[in-house]
Amino acid sequence: MSEEHIIARRDEAVLEIRFNRPAKKNALTNAMYGAMADALESAGADKSVRAILFTAEGDLFTSGNDLMDFAAQNTGAFEGPRHVQRFLERMIEAEKPVVAAVHGNAVGVGVTMLLQCDLVFIAESAKLITPFVDLGLVPENASSLTLPERIGHVRAFQLLGLCEPLSGRDAASFGIANAALPAGEVEP
C-alpha cells in the first residue's frame, strides 16, 4: 500500500517524502499521491517542520504516473477519490520551502512537480523526460504555462512538444534546477 511506497519521516526540522517503489521505477499511484498530499498537509500544520524534501529510492527519481493505475481510474474500474489534484494543490500552496533531490531520471509529473519546488538539486547524469505528447496527454499542473515562463518558449517546446530529454546539467543551466551535481552528492 502507499505507506510502504511513500516514506514520510522527520529528520529534525525537515520532513522527507521519499518515493519507495524502485521495483516499479517509483511510478506514482493514486494511493501514493494521497500519502504525499497527507504528508504535505501535515507539514503545513506542524510549526516544527521548517522544510520539505522530496527524494527517492532506487536509480530513478520517478517514472511518473503508474500507467496501469492511471488507466484503471479512467475506465471506471477505480473507486474512491483521485488524489493527484490534492497533491498538486498542496505543492502549489506549500508555505514552507520544498526541496527536491533528483538523483536519477524524472519523467512526467516527476518533472512538472519540480516547477513548484523552491530548490532543486539534480544529478548531472539525470534526464528530465516529458512524454505527454507521445502518450496523447496534456501536461499537468499548468506546466505548459509555467515551464515556458521559466525557461523560454523554444526550450519548453523542445521538452514538452518534441519530448526531447533534458540533461541534469541543462536543467541547471536553464533554471529548472539550482545545481547539477554528481549523483552521489545530490541527496546530501
C-alpha atoms as a PDB file:
ATOM      1  CA  MET A   1       0.000   0.000   0.000  1.00  0.00           C
ATOM      2  CA  SER A   2       1.039   3.650  -0.141  1.00  0.00           C
ATOM      3  CA  GLU A   3       2.597   3.666   3.314  1.00  0.00           C
ATOM      4  CA  GLU A   4       5.420   1.450   2.078  1.00  0.00           C
ATOM      5  CA  HIS A   5       5.675   3.212  -1.298  1.00  0.00           C
ATOM      6  CA  ILE A   6       5.864   6.691   0.224  1.00  0.00           C
ATOM      7  CA  ILE A   7       8.050   7.075   3.276  1.00  0.00           C
ATOM      8  CA  ALA A   8       7.410  10.289   5.178  1.00  0.00           C
ATOM      9  CA  ARG A   9       9.839  10.775   8.039  1.00  0.00           C
ATOM     10  CA  ARG A  10      11.310  13.592  10.056  1.00  0.00           C
ATOM     11  CA  ASP A  11      14.961  14.496  10.215  1.00  0.00           C
ATOM     12  CA  GLU A  12      14.880  17.270  12.793  1.00  0.00           C
ATOM     13  CA  ALA A  13      13.013  20.185  11.144  1.00  0.00           C
ATOM     14  CA  VAL A  14      12.885  18.566   7.689  1.00  0.00           C
ATOM     15  CA  LEU A  15      10.038  16.339   6.546  1.00  0.00           C
ATOM     16  CA  GLU A  16      11.425  13.912   3.998  1.00  0.00           C
ATOM     17  CA  ILE A  17       8.978  12.441   1.498  1.00  0.00           C
ATOM     18  CA  ARG A  18      10.680   9.515  -0.215  1.00  0.00           C
ATOM     19  CA  PHE A  19       9.400   7.589  -3.223  1.00  0.00           C
ATOM     20  CA  ASN A  20       9.957   3.957  -2.294  1.00  0.00           C
ATOM     21  CA  ARG A  21       8.800   1.818  -5.184  1.00  0.00           C
ATOM     22  CA  PRO A  22      12.075   1.144  -7.005  1.00  0.00           C
ATOM     23  CA  ALA A  23      10.921  -2.193  -8.474  1.00  0.00           C
ATOM     24  CA  LYS A  24       8.309  -0.179 -10.420  1.00  0.00           C
ATOM     25  CA  LYS A  25      10.703   2.720 -11.132  1.00  0.00           C
ATOM     26  CA  ASN A  26       8.936   4.780  -8.470  1.00  0.00           C
ATOM     27  CA  ALA A  27       5.840   5.041 -10.679  1.00  0.00           C
ATOM     28  CA  LEU A  28       3.219   7.016  -8.751  1.00  0.00           C
ATOM     29  CA  THR A  29      -0.159   5.514  -7.894  1.00  0.00           C
ATOM     30  CA  ASN A  30      -3.288   7.213  -6.626  1.00  0.00           C
ATOM     31  CA  ALA A  31      -2.530   5.891  -3.133  1.00  0.00           C
ATOM     32  CA  MET A  32       0.972   7.380  -3.311  1.00  0.00           C
ATOM     33  CA  TYR A  33      -0.469  10.767  -4.313  1.00  0.00           C
ATOM     34  CA  GLY A  34      -2.792  10.516  -1.318  1.00  0.00           C
ATOM     35  CA  ALA A  35       0.091   9.758   1.039  1.00  0.00           C
ATOM     36  CA  MET A  36       2.124  12.668  -0.367  1.00  0.00           C
ATOM     37  CA  ALA A  37      -0.820  15.073  -0.091  1.00  0.00           C
ATOM     38  CA  ASP A  38      -1.381  13.940   3.509  1.00  0.00           C
ATOM     39  CA  ALA A  39       2.309  14.473   4.308  1.00  0.00           C
ATOM     40  CA  LEU A  40       2.263  17.966   2.790  1.00  0.00           C
ATOM     41  CA  GLU A  41      -0.894  18.868   4.740  1.00  0.00           C
ATOM     42  CA  SER A  42       0.681  17.561   7.950  1.00  0.00           C
ATOM     43  CA  ALA A  43       3.889  19.526   7.312  1.00  0.00           C
ATOM     44  CA  GLY A  44       1.879  22.682   6.698  1.00  0.00           C
ATOM     45  CA  ALA A  45       0.114  22.340  10.044  1.00  0.00           C
ATOM     46  CA  ASP A  46       3.235  21.420  12.050  1.00  0.00           C
ATOM     47  CA  LYS A  47       5.204  24.521  13.110  1.00  0.00           C
ATOM     48  CA  SER A  48       8.263  22.388  13.897  1.00  0.00           C
ATOM     49  CA  VAL A  49       8.582  21.362  10.225  1.00  0.00           C
ATOM     50  CA  ARG A  50      10.704  24.019   8.534  1.00  0.00           C
ATOM     51  CA  ALA A  51      11.262  22.412   5.099  1.00  0.00           C
ATOM     52  CA  ILE A  52      10.095  19.511   2.935  1.00  0.00           C
ATOM     53  CA  LEU A  53      12.451  17.278   0.948  1.00  0.00           C
ATOM     54  CA  PHE A  54      11.386  15.021  -1.937  1.00  0.00           C
ATOM     55  CA  THR A  55      13.770  12.218  -2.787  1.00  0.00           C
ATOM     56  CA  ALA A  56      13.658   8.581  -3.902  1.00  0.00           C
ATOM     57  CA  GLU A  57      14.990   5.065  -3.537  1.00  0.00           C
ATOM     58  CA  GLY A  58      16.498   3.242  -6.497  1.00  0.00           C
ATOM     59  CA  ASP A  59      18.000   4.506  -9.728  1.00  0.00           C
ATOM     60  CA  LEU A  60      15.166   6.831 -10.781  1.00  0.00           C
ATOM     61  CA  PHE A  61      13.570   9.792  -9.077  1.00  0.00           C
ATOM     62  CA  THR A  62      10.217   8.746 -10.584  1.00  0.00           C
ATOM     63  CA  SER A  63       8.982   7.355 -13.881  1.00  0.00           C
ATOM     64  CA  GLY A  64       5.821   9.455 -13.470  1.00  0.00           C
ATOM     65  CA  ASN A  65       2.319   8.074 -13.200  1.00  0.00           C
ATOM     66  CA  ASP A  66       1.776   4.331 -12.941  1.00  0.00           C
ATOM     67  CA  LEU A  67       0.041   3.854 -16.284  1.00  0.00           C
ATOM     68  CA  MET A  68      -1.924   0.781 -15.120  1.00  0.00           C
ATOM     69  CA  ASP A  69      -3.264   2.700 -12.129  1.00  0.00           C
ATOM     70  CA  PHE A  70      -3.934   5.716 -14.349  1.00  0.00           C
ATOM     71  CA  ALA A  71      -5.834   3.551 -16.888  1.00  0.00           C
ATOM     72  CA  ALA A  72      -7.930   1.918 -14.153  1.00  0.00           C
ATOM     73  CA  GLN A  73      -9.001   5.351 -12.927  1.00  0.00           C
ATOM     74  CA  ASN A  74     -10.096   6.365 -16.415  1.00  0.00           C
ATOM     75  CA  THR A  75     -12.028   3.179 -17.258  1.00  0.00           C
ATOM     76  CA  GLY A  76     -14.284   3.266 -14.229  1.00  0.00           C
ATOM     77  CA  ALA A  77     -12.624   0.231 -12.630  1.00  0.00           C
ATOM     78  CA  PHE A  78     -11.366   2.504  -9.878  1.00  0.00           C
ATOM     79  CA  GLU A  79     -13.429   3.622  -6.904  1.00  0.00           C
ATOM     80  CA  GLY A  80     -12.691   6.371  -4.451  1.00  0.00           C
ATOM     81  CA  PRO A  81     -11.174   9.835  -4.614  1.00  0.00           C
ATOM     82  CA  ARG A  82      -8.415  10.731  -7.041  1.00  0.00           C
ATOM     83  CA  HIS A  83      -5.583  12.260  -5.047  1.00  0.00           C
ATOM     84  CA  VAL A  84      -3.336  13.716  -7.754  1.00  0.00           C
ATOM     85  CA  GLN A  85      -5.190  17.042  -7.781  1.00  0.00           C
ATOM     86  CA  ARG A  86      -4.951  17.350  -3.996  1.00  0.00           C
ATOM     87  CA  PHE A  87      -1.207  16.618  -4.169  1.00  0.00           C
ATOM     88  CA  LEU A  88      -0.628  19.211  -6.907  1.00  0.00           C
ATOM     89  CA  GLU A  89      -2.664  21.803  -4.983  1.00  0.00           C
ATOM     90  CA  ARG A  90      -0.668  21.152  -1.786  1.00  0.00           C
ATOM     91  CA  MET A  91       2.575  21.614  -3.762  1.00  0.00           C
ATOM     92  CA  ILE A  92       1.377  24.982  -5.083  1.00  0.00           C
ATOM     93  CA  GLU A  93       0.084  26.104  -1.686  1.00  0.00           C
ATOM     94  CA  ALA A  94       3.135  24.998   0.333  1.00  0.00           C
ATOM     95  CA  GLU A  95       4.316  27.868   2.517  1.00  0.00           C
ATOM     96  CA  LYS A  96       7.448  26.072   3.673  1.00  0.00           C
ATOM     97  CA  PRO A  97      10.437  25.553   1.383  1.00  0.00           C
ATOM     98  CA  VAL A  98      10.095  22.473  -0.820  1.00  0.00           C
ATOM     99  CA  VAL A  99      13.361  20.900  -1.944  1.00  0.00           C
ATOM    100  CA  ALA A 100      13.863  18.096  -4.481  1.00  0.00           C
ATOM    101  CA  ALA A 101      16.922  15.849  -4.606  1.00  0.00           C
ATOM    102  CA  VAL A 102      16.730  14.306  -8.092  1.00  0.00           C
ATOM    103  CA  HIS A 103      19.439  11.652  -8.257  1.00  0.00           C
ATOM    104  CA  GLY A 104      18.103   9.874 -11.369  1.00  0.00           C
ATOM    105  CA  ASN A 105      15.706  10.337 -14.249  1.00  0.00           C
ATOM    106  CA  ALA A 106      12.433  12.158 -13.680  1.00  0.00           C
ATOM    107  CA  VAL A 107       9.509  11.540 -16.032  1.00  0.00           C
ATOM    108  CA  GLY A 108       6.180  13.359 -16.456  1.00  0.00           C
ATOM    109  CA  VAL A 109       4.907  14.623 -13.113  1.00  0.00           C
ATOM    110  CA  GLY A 110       8.427  13.995 -11.772  1.00  0.00           C
ATOM    111  CA  VAL A 111       9.462  16.920 -13.977  1.00  0.00           C
ATOM    112  CA  THR A 112       6.427  19.164 -13.606  1.00  0.00           C
ATOM    113  CA  MET A 113       6.480  18.959  -9.799  1.00  0.00           C
ATOM    114  CA  LEU A 114       9.985  20.465  -9.872  1.00  0.00           C
ATOM    115  CA  LEU A 115       8.459  23.713 -11.131  1.00  0.00           C
ATOM    116  CA  GLN A 116       6.711  24.056  -7.745  1.00  0.00           C
ATOM    117  CA  CYS A 117       9.880  23.408  -5.717  1.00  0.00           C
ATOM    118  CA  ASP A 118      11.918  26.186  -4.144  1.00  0.00           C
ATOM    119  CA  LEU A 119      15.236  24.354  -4.512  1.00  0.00           C
ATOM    120  CA  VAL A 120      16.122  21.534  -6.906  1.00  0.00           C
ATOM    121  CA  PHE A 121      19.390  19.638  -6.860  1.00  0.00           C
ATOM    122  CA  ILE A 122      19.783  17.225  -9.760  1.00  0.00           C
ATOM    123  CA  ALA A 123      22.347  14.661 -10.844  1.00  0.00           C
ATOM    124  CA  GLU A 124      24.378  15.779 -13.836  1.00  0.00           C
ATOM    125  CA  SER A 125      23.590  12.435 -15.481  1.00  0.00           C
ATOM    126  CA  ALA A 126      19.824  12.576 -14.785  1.00  0.00           C
ATOM    127  CA  LYS A 127      17.389  13.165 -17.586  1.00  0.00           C
ATOM    128  CA  LEU A 128      14.109  15.077 -17.418  1.00  0.00           C
ATOM    129  CA  ILE A 129      11.568  13.481 -19.754  1.00  0.00           C
ATOM    130  CA  THR A 130       8.044  14.701 -20.527  1.00  0.00           C
ATOM    131  CA  PRO A 131       6.315  12.117 -22.755  1.00  0.00           C
ATOM    132  CA  PHE A 132       2.901  13.825 -22.675  1.00  0.00           C
ATOM    133  CA  VAL A 133       2.569  14.248 -26.463  1.00  0.00           C
ATOM    134  CA  ASP A 134       3.746  10.681 -27.089  1.00  0.00           C
ATOM    135  CA  LEU A 135       1.054   9.441 -24.675  1.00  0.00           C
ATOM    136  CA  GLY A 136      -1.654  11.756 -26.015  1.00  0.00           C
ATOM    137  CA  LEU A 137      -1.892  13.614 -22.699  1.00  0.00           C
ATOM    138  CA  VAL A 138      -1.988  17.252 -21.685  1.00  0.00           C
ATOM    139  CA  PRO A 139       0.836  18.276 -19.306  1.00  0.00           C
ATOM    140  CA  GLU A 140      -0.483  18.671 -15.762  1.00  0.00           C
ATOM    141  CA  ASN A 141      -0.114  21.374 -13.181  1.00  0.00           C
ATOM    142  CA  ALA A 142      -0.168  24.279 -15.660  1.00  0.00           C
ATOM    143  CA  SER A 143       3.319  23.253 -16.772  1.00  0.00           C
ATOM    144  CA  SER A 144       2.579  24.294 -20.358  1.00  0.00           C
ATOM    145  CA  LEU A 145       2.384  27.825 -18.934  1.00  0.00           C
ATOM    146  CA  THR A 146       4.932  27.738 -16.105  1.00  0.00           C
ATOM    147  CA  LEU A 147       7.710  25.941 -17.992  1.00  0.00           C
ATOM    148  CA  PRO A 148       7.903  28.489 -20.874  1.00  0.00           C
ATOM    149  CA  GLU A 149       7.834  31.290 -18.293  1.00  0.00           C
ATOM    150  CA  ARG A 150      10.788  29.680 -16.542  1.00  0.00           C
ATOM    151  CA  ILE A 151      12.968  28.568 -19.456  1.00  0.00           C
ATOM    152  CA  GLY A 152      11.517  30.247 -22.553  1.00  0.00           C
ATOM    153  CA  HIS A 153       9.182  29.034 -25.268  1.00  0.00           C
ATOM    154  CA  VAL A 154      11.749  27.345 -27.517  1.00  0.00           C
ATOM    155  CA  ARG A 155      13.338  25.285 -24.755  1.00  0.00           C
ATOM    156  CA  ALA A 156       9.949  24.409 -23.251  1.00  0.00           C
ATOM    157  CA  PHE A 157       8.644  23.268 -26.642  1.00  0.00           C
ATOM    158  CA  GLN A 158      11.690  21.073 -27.081  1.00  0.00           C
ATOM    159  CA  LEU A 159      10.876  19.376 -23.768  1.00  0.00           C
ATOM    160  CA  LEU A 160       7.050  19.372 -23.848  1.00  0.00           C
ATOM    161  CA  GLY A 161       6.260  19.384 -27.576  1.00  0.00           C
ATOM    162  CA  LEU A 162       9.088  17.306 -29.014  1.00  0.00           C
ATOM    163  CA  CYS A 163       9.502  15.108 -25.902  1.00  0.00           C
ATOM    164  CA  GLU A 164      13.288  15.509 -26.090  1.00  0.00           C
ATOM    165  CA  PRO A 165      15.029  14.633 -22.813  1.00  0.00           C
ATOM    166  CA  LEU A 166      16.818  17.377 -20.921  1.00  0.00           C
ATOM    167  CA  SER A 167      20.051  16.565 -19.093  1.00  0.00           C
ATOM    168  CA  GLY A 168      20.603  17.439 -15.457  1.00  0.00           C
ATOM    169  CA  ARG A 169      23.331  19.868 -16.485  1.00  0.00           C
ATOM    170  CA  ASP A 170      20.981  21.641 -18.898  1.00  0.00           C
ATOM    171  CA  ALA A 171      18.185  21.653 -16.290  1.00  0.00           C
ATOM    172  CA  ALA A 172      20.505  23.622 -14.009  1.00  0.00           C
ATOM    173  CA  SER A 173      21.724  25.981 -16.721  1.00  0.00           C
ATOM    174  CA  PHE A 174      18.131  26.619 -17.903  1.00  0.00           C
ATOM    175  CA  GLY A 175      16.893  27.376 -14.377  1.00  0.00           C
ATOM    176  CA  ILE A 176      14.793  24.299 -13.612  1.00  0.00           C
ATOM    177  CA  ALA A 177      17.368  23.174 -11.046  1.00  0.00           C
ATOM    178  CA  ASN A 178      19.618  25.166  -8.746  1.00  0.00           C
ATOM    179  CA  ALA A 179      22.627  22.925  -9.271  1.00  0.00           C
ATOM    180  CA  ALA A 180      23.693  19.798 -11.149  1.00  0.00           C
ATOM    181  CA  LEU A 181      25.957  17.551  -9.094  1.00  0.00           C
ATOM    182  CA  PRO A 182      27.461  14.074  -9.258  1.00  0.00           C
ATOM    183  CA  ALA A 183      24.633  11.621  -8.454  1.00  0.00           C
ATOM    184  CA  GLY A 184      26.135  10.630  -5.089  1.00  0.00           C
ATOM    185  CA  GLU A 185      26.177  14.252  -3.899  1.00  0.00           C
ATOM    186  CA  VAL A 186      22.573  15.167  -4.738  1.00  0.00           C
ATOM    187  CA  GLU A 187      20.780  13.995  -1.603  1.00  0.00           C
ATOM    188  CA  PRO A 188      23.405  15.042   0.973  1.00  0.00           C
END
